[in-house]
Amino acid sequence: MTAGSAHSQKVCFADFKHPCYKMAYFHELSSRVSFQEARLACESEGGVLLSLENEAEQKLIESMLQNLTKPGTGISDGDFWIGLWRNGDGQTSGACPDLYQWSDGSNSQYRNWYTDEPSCGSEKCVVMYHQPTANPGLGGPYLYQWNDDRCNMKHNYICKYEPEINPTAPVEKPYLTNQPGDTHQNVVVTEAGIIPNLIYVVIPTIPLLLLILVAFGTCCFQMLHKSKGRTKTSPNQSTLWISKSTRKESGMEV
């Protein structure tokens, strides 16, 4: 794969809670990969082929894919492998849809099949449709719904990674990082997120600051009160914790 043949951006979030994602889109059809090749490519970078936990995550991926079809990008049709697949031969019974599983071990039951999918039979691996220029079918436009396909077909793919935690450095919300070889792309940086990091440092110190203020105020009050009540104070007596009944005793308890 050459630098000019792929559009690949890794997207992370500043809250350290969301996973990171990478959309690997290949301009040239000959550069696209099979299901197993996509799976290995993600794992080689410490990730997995995309699993989807719920509709909210599905919508998040859709919003990222919409960026690929912005005017002027030159990017359009091309389905994306996700990590759903079926292990077994040629099932065509009604139980077939229940046999699909996530390659990363996720037990998510969320599904977003296109109408009349999955087809089953020899089609065991799943893509997310991304064909904005295709005429709509019975289930509407071929965009973002899922379709099972033969595992040796060539497609783009989407990787998923654990959240990147780097609290010592300024972060962006969200931010995009280029993958090695994608030198034709610029790093996209948005809203800085250093203030939330400062909050994590300041908040735990508030109780200590309040305690210091209370102790300081108590000290000042006691000193002021004693200075009014006495005209002379022995220099070796405490002005904080010695009661009136023991003022004449020497020494300060520690």
C-alpha atoms as a PDB file:
ATOM      1  CA  MET A   1       0.000   0.000   0.000  1.00  0.00           C
ATOM      2  CA  THR A   2       1.437   3.341  -1.011  1.00  0.00           C
ATOM      3  CA  ALA A   3       0.930   6.630   0.764  1.00  0.00           C
ATOM      4  CA  GLY A   4      -1.407   7.896  -1.936  1.00  0.00           C
ATOM      5  CA  SER A   5      -3.657   4.825  -2.102  1.00  0.00           C
ATOM      6  CA  ALA A   6      -5.297   4.998   1.312  1.00  0.00           C
ATOM      7  CA  HIS A   7      -7.244   7.489   3.373  1.00  0.00           C
ATOM      8  CA  SER A   8      -6.701   6.491   7.001  1.00  0.00           C
ATOM      9  CA  GLN A   9      -7.348   8.509  10.145  1.00  0.00           C
ATOM     10  CA  LYS A  10      -7.364   7.409  13.764  1.00  0.00           C
ATOM     11  CA  VAL A  11      -9.986   9.241  15.819  1.00  0.00           C
ATOM     12  CA  CYS A  12      -9.722   9.536  19.611  1.00  0.00           C
ATOM     13  CA  PHE A  13     -11.607  11.465  22.300  1.00  0.00           C
ATOM     14  CA  ALA A  14     -10.340  13.616  25.152  1.00  0.00           C
ATOM     15  CA  ASP A  15     -12.514  12.077  27.866  1.00  0.00           C
ATOM     16  CA  PHE A  16     -10.491   8.825  27.793  1.00  0.00           C
ATOM     17  CA  LYS A  17     -13.763   6.875  27.945  1.00  0.00           C
ATOM     18  CA  HIS A  18     -14.610   6.363  24.293  1.00  0.00           C
ATOM     19  CA  PRO A  19     -12.647   3.859  22.221  1.00  0.00           C
ATOM     20  CA  CYS A  20     -10.480   5.133  19.387  1.00  0.00           C
ATOM     21  CA  TYR A  21     -11.399   4.235  15.796  1.00  0.00           C
ATOM     22  CA  LYS A  22      -9.673   4.126  12.436  1.00  0.00           C
ATOM     23  CA  MET A  23     -11.396   4.209   9.047  1.00  0.00           C
ATOM     24  CA  ALA A  24      -9.148   2.583   6.453  1.00  0.00           C
ATOM     25  CA  TYR A  25     -10.433   3.610   3.032  1.00  0.00           C
ATOM     26  CA  PHE A  26      -8.573   2.516  -0.120  1.00  0.00           C
ATOM     27  CA  HIS A  27      -8.967   4.615  -3.238  1.00  0.00           C
ATOM     28  CA  GLU A  28      -7.875   1.759  -5.495  1.00  0.00           C
ATOM     29  CA  LEU A  29     -10.070  -1.341  -5.534  1.00  0.00           C
ATOM     30  CA  SER A  30      -6.991  -3.547  -5.933  1.00  0.00           C
ATOM     31  CA  SER A  31      -5.666  -2.296  -2.568  1.00  0.00           C
ATOM     32  CA  ARG A  32      -8.733  -3.328  -0.566  1.00  0.00           C
ATOM     33  CA  VAL A  33      -8.494  -6.402   1.641  1.00  0.00           C
ATOM     34  CA  SER A  34     -10.326  -9.555   2.684  1.00  0.00           C
ATOM     35  CA  PHE A  35     -11.992 -10.011   6.069  1.00  0.00           C
ATOM     36  CA  GLN A  36      -9.053 -11.915   7.525  1.00  0.00           C
ATOM     37  CA  GLU A  37      -6.530  -9.390   6.173  1.00  0.00           C
ATOM     38  CA  ALA A  38      -8.534  -6.542   7.724  1.00  0.00           C
ATOM     39  CA  ARG A  39      -8.698  -8.377  11.038  1.00  0.00           C
ATOM     40  CA  LEU A  40      -4.942  -8.959  11.087  1.00  0.00           C
ATOM     41  CA  ALA A  41      -4.241  -5.338  10.067  1.00  0.00           C
ATOM     42  CA  CYS A  42      -6.200  -4.035  13.068  1.00  0.00           C
ATOM     43  CA  GLU A  43      -4.607  -6.503  15.469  1.00  0.00           C
ATOM     44  CA  SER A  44      -1.109  -5.643  14.239  1.00  0.00           C
ATOM     45  CA  GLU A  45      -1.700  -2.083  15.494  1.00  0.00           C
ATOM     46  CA  GLY A  46      -3.057  -3.163  18.876  1.00  0.00           C
ATOM     47  CA  GLY A  47      -6.718  -2.942  17.901  1.00  0.00           C
ATOM     48  CA  VAL A  48      -9.557  -5.163  16.715  1.00  0.00           C
ATOM     49  CA  LEU A  49     -11.904  -5.187  13.775  1.00  0.00           C
ATOM     50  CA  LEU A  50     -14.875  -3.034  14.762  1.00  0.00           C
ATOM     51  CA  SER A  51     -17.524  -4.399  17.104  1.00  0.00           C
ATOM     52  CA  LEU A  52     -20.620  -2.292  17.799  1.00  0.00           C
ATOM     53  CA  GLU A  53     -22.199  -2.278  21.255  1.00  0.00           C
ATOM     54  CA  ASN A  54     -25.373  -0.296  20.602  1.00  0.00           C
ATOM     55  CA  GLU A  55     -27.153   2.190  18.350  1.00  0.00           C
ATOM     56  CA  ALA A  56     -25.251   5.123  19.858  1.00  0.00           C
ATOM     57  CA  GLU A  57     -21.936   3.641  18.743  1.00  0.00           C
ATOM     58  CA  GLN A  58     -23.427   2.868  15.317  1.00  0.00           C
ATOM     59  CA  LYS A  59     -24.461   6.527  14.946  1.00  0.00           C
ATOM     60  CA  LEU A  60     -20.987   7.654  16.020  1.00  0.00           C
ATOM     61  CA  ILE A  61     -19.390   5.549  13.275  1.00  0.00           C
ATOM     62  CA  GLU A  62     -21.917   6.882  10.757  1.00  0.00           C
ATOM     63  CA  SER A  63     -20.958  10.465  11.606  1.00  0.00           C
ATOM     64  CA  MET A  64     -17.293   9.613  11.039  1.00  0.00           C
ATOM     65  CA  LEU A  65     -18.029   7.963   7.696  1.00  0.00           C
ATOM     66  CA  GLN A  66     -20.006  11.021   6.606  1.00  0.00           C
ATOM     67  CA  ASN A  67     -16.741  12.961   6.711  1.00  0.00           C
ATOM     68  CA  LEU A  68     -15.416  10.705   3.961  1.00  0.00           C
ATOM     69  CA  THR A  69     -18.025  11.926   1.504  1.00  0.00           C
ATOM     70  CA  LYS A  70     -17.622  15.657   2.005  1.00  0.00           C
ATOM     71  CA  PRO A  71     -17.385  17.541  -1.305  1.00  0.00           C
ATOM     72  CA  GLY A  72     -13.874  17.715  -2.675  1.00  0.00           C
ATOM     73  CA  THR A  73     -12.480  14.672  -0.874  1.00  0.00           C
ATOM     74  CA  GLY A  74     -12.769  12.413  -3.916  1.00  0.00           C
ATOM     75  CA  ILE A  75     -13.976   9.583  -1.669  1.00  0.00           C
ATOM     76  CA  SER A  76     -17.287   7.820  -2.139  1.00  0.00           C
ATOM     77  CA  ASP A  77     -18.366   4.200  -2.591  1.00  0.00           C
ATOM     78  CA  GLY A  78     -16.694   1.381  -0.726  1.00  0.00           C
ATOM     79  CA  ASP A  79     -18.105  -0.898   1.983  1.00  0.00           C
ATOM     80  CA  PHE A  80     -16.251  -1.426   5.277  1.00  0.00           C
ATOM     81  CA  TRP A  81     -15.535  -4.708   7.015  1.00  0.00           C
ATOM     82  CA  ILE A  82     -16.703  -4.863  10.626  1.00  0.00           C
ATOM     83  CA  GLY A  83     -15.841  -7.634  13.075  1.00  0.00           C
ATOM     84  CA  LEU A  84     -19.051  -9.684  12.766  1.00  0.00           C
ATOM     85  CA  TRP A  85     -18.849 -13.122  11.158  1.00  0.00           C
ATOM     86  CA  ARG A  86     -20.384 -16.603  11.167  1.00  0.00           C
ATOM     87  CA  ASN A  87     -18.486 -19.806  11.747  1.00  0.00           C
ATOM     88  CA  GLY A  88     -20.061 -22.745   9.943  1.00  0.00           C
ATOM     89  CA  ASP A  89     -20.951 -23.998   6.484  1.00  0.00           C
ATOM     90  CA  GLY A  90     -23.902 -23.006   4.387  1.00  0.00           C
ATOM     91  CA  GLN A  91     -26.673 -22.549   6.957  1.00  0.00           C
ATOM     92  CA  THR A  92     -29.826 -21.206   5.321  1.00  0.00           C
ATOM     93  CA  SER A  93     -32.317 -21.921   8.106  1.00  0.00           C
ATOM     94  CA  GLY A  94     -33.993 -19.333  10.283  1.00  0.00           C
ATOM     95  CA  ALA A  95     -31.312 -19.858  12.941  1.00  0.00           C
ATOM     96  CA  CYS A  96     -28.594 -18.441  10.692  1.00  0.00           C
ATOM     97  CA  PRO A  97     -28.728 -14.803  11.953  1.00  0.00           C
ATOM     98  CA  ASP A  98     -28.202 -16.047  15.513  1.00  0.00           C
ATOM     99  CA  LEU A  99     -24.917 -17.705  14.541  1.00  0.00           C
ATOM    100  CA  TYR A 100     -23.060 -14.454  13.878  1.00  0.00           C
ATOM    101  CA  GLN A 101     -20.490 -13.451  16.481  1.00  0.00           C
ATOM    102  CA  TRP A 102     -17.948 -10.679  17.046  1.00  0.00           C
ATOM    103  CA  SER A 103     -14.337 -11.522  16.287  1.00  0.00           C
ATOM    104  CA  ASP A 104     -13.096  -9.553  19.339  1.00  0.00           C
ATOM    105  CA  GLY A 105     -15.176 -11.657  21.727  1.00  0.00           C
ATOM    106  CA  SER A 106     -17.845  -9.020  22.372  1.00  0.00           C
ATOM    107  CA  ASN A 107     -21.236 -10.454  23.352  1.00  0.00           C
ATOM    108  CA  SER A 108     -23.159  -7.477  21.948  1.00  0.00           C
ATOM    109  CA  GLN A 109     -26.532  -8.471  20.477  1.00  0.00           C
ATOM    110  CA  TYR A 110     -26.929  -5.192  18.587  1.00  0.00           C
ATOM    111  CA  ARG A 111     -27.557  -5.665  14.851  1.00  0.00           C
ATOM    112  CA  ASN A 112     -28.263  -3.259  11.994  1.00  0.00           C
ATOM    113  CA  TRP A 113     -28.972  -5.549   9.023  1.00  0.00           C
ATOM    114  CA  TYR A 114     -30.155  -4.203   5.680  1.00  0.00           C
ATOM    115  CA  THR A 115     -33.547  -5.501   4.505  1.00  0.00           C
ATOM    116  CA  ASP A 116     -33.465  -9.264   3.707  1.00  0.00           C
ATOM    117  CA  GLU A 117     -30.014  -9.646   5.266  1.00  0.00           C
ATOM    118  CA  PRO A 118     -28.168 -11.722   6.245  1.00  0.00           C
ATOM    119  CA  SER A 119     -28.276 -13.916   3.149  1.00  0.00           C
ATOM    120  CA  CYS A 120     -26.349 -16.731   4.877  1.00  0.00           C
ATOM    121  CA  GLY A 121     -25.180 -19.554   2.623  1.00  0.00           C
ATOM    122  CA  SER A 122     -21.538 -18.958   1.687  1.00  0.00           C
ATOM    123  CA  GLU A 123     -21.643 -15.326   2.853  1.00  0.00           C
ATOM    124  CA  LYS A 124     -20.217 -15.425   6.376  1.00  0.00           C
ATOM    125  CA  CYS A 125     -18.459 -12.071   6.981  1.00  0.00           C
ATOM    126  CA  VAL A 126     -20.154  -8.720   7.472  1.00  0.00           C
ATOM    127  CA  VAL A 127     -19.629  -5.282   5.943  1.00  0.00           C
ATOM    128  CA  MET A 128     -21.169  -1.927   6.734  1.00  0.00           C
ATOM    129  CA  TYR A 129     -22.628  -0.517   3.533  1.00  0.00           C
ATOM    130  CA  HIS A 130     -21.047   2.675   2.246  1.00  0.00           C
ATOM    131  CA  GLN A 131     -22.382   3.313  -1.273  1.00  0.00           C
ATOM    132  CA  PRO A 132     -23.632   6.916  -1.353  1.00  0.00           C
ATOM    133  CA  THR A 133     -23.810   7.024  -5.169  1.00  0.00           C
ATOM    134  CA  ALA A 134     -25.826   3.788  -5.563  1.00  0.00           C
ATOM    135  CA  ASN A 135     -29.544   3.875  -6.273  1.00  0.00           C
ATOM    136  CA  PRO A 136     -31.614   3.007  -3.173  1.00  0.00           C
ATOM    137  CA  GLY A 137     -32.917  -0.547  -2.805  1.00  0.00           C
ATOM    138  CA  LEU A 138     -35.881  -2.002  -0.916  1.00  0.00           C
ATOM    139  CA  GLY A 139     -34.301  -0.984   2.384  1.00  0.00           C
ATOM    140  CA  GLY A 140     -33.408   2.514   1.254  1.00  0.00           C
ATOM    141  CA  PRO A 141     -29.926   3.872   0.447  1.00  0.00           C
ATOM    142  CA  TYR A 142     -27.025   1.474   0.883  1.00  0.00           C
ATOM    143  CA  LEU A 143     -25.522   3.488   3.705  1.00  0.00           C
ATOM    144  CA  TYR A 144     -24.401   2.175   7.105  1.00  0.00           C
ATOM    145  CA  GLN A 145     -26.665  -0.897   7.283  1.00  0.00           C
ATOM    146  CA  TRP A 146     -25.002  -4.305   7.451  1.00  0.00           C
ATOM    147  CA  ASN A 147     -24.668  -6.993   4.804  1.00  0.00           C
ATOM    148  CA  ASP A 148     -23.040 -10.419   4.928  1.00  0.00           C
ATOM    149  CA  ASP A 149     -20.567 -11.088   2.146  1.00  0.00           C
ATOM    150  CA  ARG A 150     -18.041 -13.714   1.126  1.00  0.00           C
ATOM    151  CA  CYS A 151     -15.028 -13.422   3.427  1.00  0.00           C
ATOM    152  CA  ASN A 152     -12.533 -13.324   0.532  1.00  0.00           C
ATOM    153  CA  MET A 153     -14.130 -10.238  -1.033  1.00  0.00           C
ATOM    154  CA  LYS A 154     -12.077  -7.038  -0.967  1.00  0.00           C
ATOM    155  CA  HIS A 155     -13.298  -4.094   1.086  1.00  0.00           C
ATOM    156  CA  ASN A 156     -12.200  -1.237   3.311  1.00  0.00           C
ATOM    157  CA  TYR A 157     -12.261  -1.789   7.061  1.00  0.00           C
ATOM    158  CA  ILE A 158     -12.757  -0.097  10.458  1.00  0.00           C
ATOM    159  CA  CYS A 159     -10.521  -0.741  13.470  1.00  0.00           C
ATOM    160  CA  LYS A 160     -11.345  -0.162  17.135  1.00  0.00           C
ATOM    161  CA  TYR A 161      -8.808   0.528  19.912  1.00  0.00           C
ATOM    162  CA  GLU A 162      -8.826   0.961  23.677  1.00  0.00           C
ATOM    163  CA  PRO A 163      -9.077   4.632  24.813  1.00  0.00           C
ATOM    164  CA  GLU A 164      -5.739   6.442  24.703  1.00  0.00           C
ATOM    165  CA  ILE A 165      -4.873   7.743  28.184  1.00  0.00           C
ATOM    166  CA  ASN A 166      -2.173  10.398  28.312  1.00  0.00           C
ATOM    167  CA  PRO A 167      -3.179  12.840  31.089  1.00  0.00           C
ATOM    168  CA  THR A 168       0.224  14.552  31.222  1.00  0.00           C
ATOM    169  CA  ALA A 169      -0.109  16.031  27.741  1.00  0.00           C
ATOM    170  CA  PRO A 170      -2.657  18.494  26.308  1.00  0.00           C
ATOM    171  CA  VAL A 171      -5.399  16.672  24.460  1.00  0.00           C
ATOM    172  CA  GLU A 172      -7.977  17.569  21.861  1.00  0.00           C
ATOM    173  CA  LYS A 173     -11.680  16.795  21.839  1.00  0.00           C
ATOM    174  CA  PRO A 174     -11.881  14.864  19.579  1.00  0.00           C
ATOM    175  CA  TYR A 175      -8.616  14.652  17.704  1.00  0.00           C
ATOM    176  CA  LEU A 176      -7.397  12.828  14.603  1.00  0.00           C
ATOM    177  CA  THR A 177      -3.999  11.321  14.114  1.00  0.00           C
ATOM    178  CA  ASN A 178      -2.471  10.149  10.866  1.00  0.00           C
ATOM    179  CA  GLN A 179      -1.257   6.631  10.423  1.00  0.00           C
ATOM    180  CA  PRO A 180       2.292   5.926   9.166  1.00  0.00           C
ATOM    181  CA  GLY A 181       2.462   6.370   5.416  1.00  0.00           C
ATOM    182  CA  ASP A 182      -0.448   8.791   5.170  1.00  0.00           C
ATOM    183  CA  THR A 183       1.802  11.771   4.528  1.00  0.00           C
ATOM    184  CA  HIS A 184      -0.740  13.380   2.203  1.00  0.00           C
ATOM    185  CA  GLN A 185      -3.001  14.146   5.151  1.00  0.00           C
ATOM    186  CA  ASN A 186      -2.800  16.931   7.692  1.00  0.00           C
ATOM    187  CA  VAL A 187      -3.409  16.356  11.365  1.00  0.00           C
ATOM    188  CA  VAL A 188      -6.780  17.792  12.327  1.00  0.00           C
ATOM    189  CA  VAL A 189      -6.849  19.489  15.728  1.00  0.00           C
ATOM    190  CA  THR A 190      -9.934  20.931  17.402  1.00  0.00           C
ATOM    191  CA  GLU A 191     -10.917  22.327  20.811  1.00  0.00           C
ATOM    192  CA  ALA A 192      -8.124  22.056  23.395  1.00  0.00           C
ATOM    193  CA  GLY A 193      -8.997  20.060  26.476  1.00  0.00           C
ATOM    194  CA  ILE A 194      -6.324  21.011  29.043  1.00  0.00           C
ATOM    195  CA  ILE A 195      -8.773  22.721  31.472  1.00  0.00           C
ATOM    196  CA  PRO A 196     -10.472  19.428  32.485  1.00  0.00           C
ATOM    197  CA  ASN A 197      -7.024  18.054  33.361  1.00  0.00           C
ATOM    198  CA  LEU A 198      -6.355  21.025  35.669  1.00  0.00           C
ATOM    199  CA  ILE A 199      -9.693  20.437  37.377  1.00  0.00           C
ATOM    200  CA  TYR A 200      -8.629  16.900  38.261  1.00  0.00           C
ATOM    201  CA  VAL A 201      -5.611  18.399  40.067  1.00  0.00           C
ATOM    202  CA  VAL A 202      -7.392  21.291  41.818  1.00  0.00           C
ATOM    203  CA  ILE A 203     -10.503  19.517  43.128  1.00  0.00           C
ATOM    204  CA  PRO A 204      -8.681  17.065  45.474  1.00  0.00           C
ATOM    205  CA  THR A 205      -6.817  19.988  47.120  1.00  0.00           C
ATOM    206  CA  ILE A 206      -9.979  21.914  48.098  1.00  0.00           C
ATOM    207  CA  PRO A 207     -10.571  20.058  51.442  1.00  0.00           C
ATOM    208  CA  LEU A 208      -6.937  20.651  52.453  1.00  0.00           C
ATOM    209  CA  LEU A 209      -7.194  24.357  51.616  1.00  0.00           C
ATOM    210  CA  LEU A 210     -10.391  24.671  53.648  1.00  0.00           C
ATOM    211  CA  LEU A 211      -8.751  22.938  56.634  1.00  0.00           C
ATOM    212  CA  ILE A 212      -5.788  25.328  56.471  1.00  0.00           C
ATOM    213  CA  LEU A 213      -8.122  28.334  56.315  1.00  0.00           C
ATOM    214  CA  VAL A 214     -10.145  27.116  59.321  1.00  0.00           C
ATOM    215  CA  ALA A 215      -6.981  26.489  61.369  1.00  0.00           C
ATOM    216  CA  PHE A 216      -5.558  29.894  60.428  1.00  0.00           C
ATOM    217  CA  GLY A 217      -8.816  31.644  61.321  1.00  0.00           C
ATOM    218  CA  THR A 218      -9.030  29.838  64.657  1.00  0.00           C
ATOM    219  CA  CYS A 219      -5.451  30.798  65.457  1.00  0.00           C
ATOM    220  CA  CYS A 220      -6.065  34.466  64.683  1.00  0.00           C
ATOM    221  CA  PHE A 221      -9.269  34.514  66.738  1.00  0.00           C
ATOM    222  CA  GLN A 222      -7.646  32.936  69.785  1.00  0.00           C
ATOM    223  CA  MET A 223      -4.649  35.247  69.614  1.00  0.00           C
ATOM    224  CA  LEU A 224      -6.908  38.309  69.350  1.00  0.00           C
ATOM    225  CA  HIS A 225      -9.091  37.122  72.218  1.00  0.00           C
ATOM    226  CA  LYS A 226      -6.152  36.459  74.543  1.00  0.00           C
ATOM    227  CA  SER A 227      -4.435  39.742  73.703  1.00  0.00           C
ATOM    228  CA  LYS A 228      -7.541  41.595  74.910  1.00  0.00           C
ATOM    229  CA  GLY A 229      -7.955  39.517  78.072  1.00  0.00           C
ATOM    230  CA  ARG A 230      -4.353  39.713  79.293  1.00  0.00           C
ATOM    231  CA  THR A 231      -1.771  42.448  79.494  1.00  0.00           C
ATOM    232  CA  LYS A 232       1.177  40.083  79.685  1.00  0.00           C
ATOM    233  CA  THR A 233       1.763  36.638  78.286  1.00  0.00           C
ATOM    234  CA  SER A 234       4.612  34.341  79.145  1.00  0.00           C
ATOM    235  CA  PRO A 235       6.657  33.649  75.988  1.00  0.00           C
ATOM    236  CA  ASN A 236       6.799  29.909  76.685  1.00  0.00           C
ATOM    237  CA  GLN A 237       3.019  29.434  76.849  1.00  0.00           C
ATOM    238  CA  SER A 238       0.830  28.334  73.919  1.00  0.00           C
ATOM    239  CA  THR A 239      -1.803  30.784  72.691  1.00  0.00           C
ATOM    240  CA  LEU A 240      -3.791  28.056  70.861  1.00  0.00           C
ATOM    241  CA  TRP A 241      -4.733  25.007  72.876  1.00  0.00           C
ATOM    242  CA  ILE A 242      -4.035  25.827  76.628  1.00  0.00           C
ATOM    243  CA  SER A 243      -7.245  26.479  78.613  1.00  0.00           C
ATOM    244  CA  LYS A 244      -7.699  29.303  81.152  1.00  0.00           C
ATOM    245  CA  SER A 245      -7.268  26.922  84.064  1.00  0.00           C
ATOM    246  CA  THR A 246      -3.734  25.927  82.991  1.00  0.00           C
ATOM    247  CA  ARG A 247      -2.375  29.259  81.767  1.00  0.00           C
ATOM    248  CA  LYS A 248       0.100  29.479  84.609  1.00  0.00           C
ATOM    249  CA  GLU A 249       1.571  26.041  83.920  1.00  0.00           C
ATOM    250  CA  SER A 250       4.858  26.114  82.072  1.00  0.00           C
ATOM    251  CA  GLY A 251       5.570  24.447  78.720  1.00  0.00           C
ATOM    252  CA  MET A 252       3.397  23.687  75.671  1.00  0.00           C
ATOM    253  CA  GLU A 253       2.110  20.183  75.007  1.00  0.00           C
ATOM    254  CA  VAL A 254       3.159  18.654  71.688  1.00  0.00           C
END
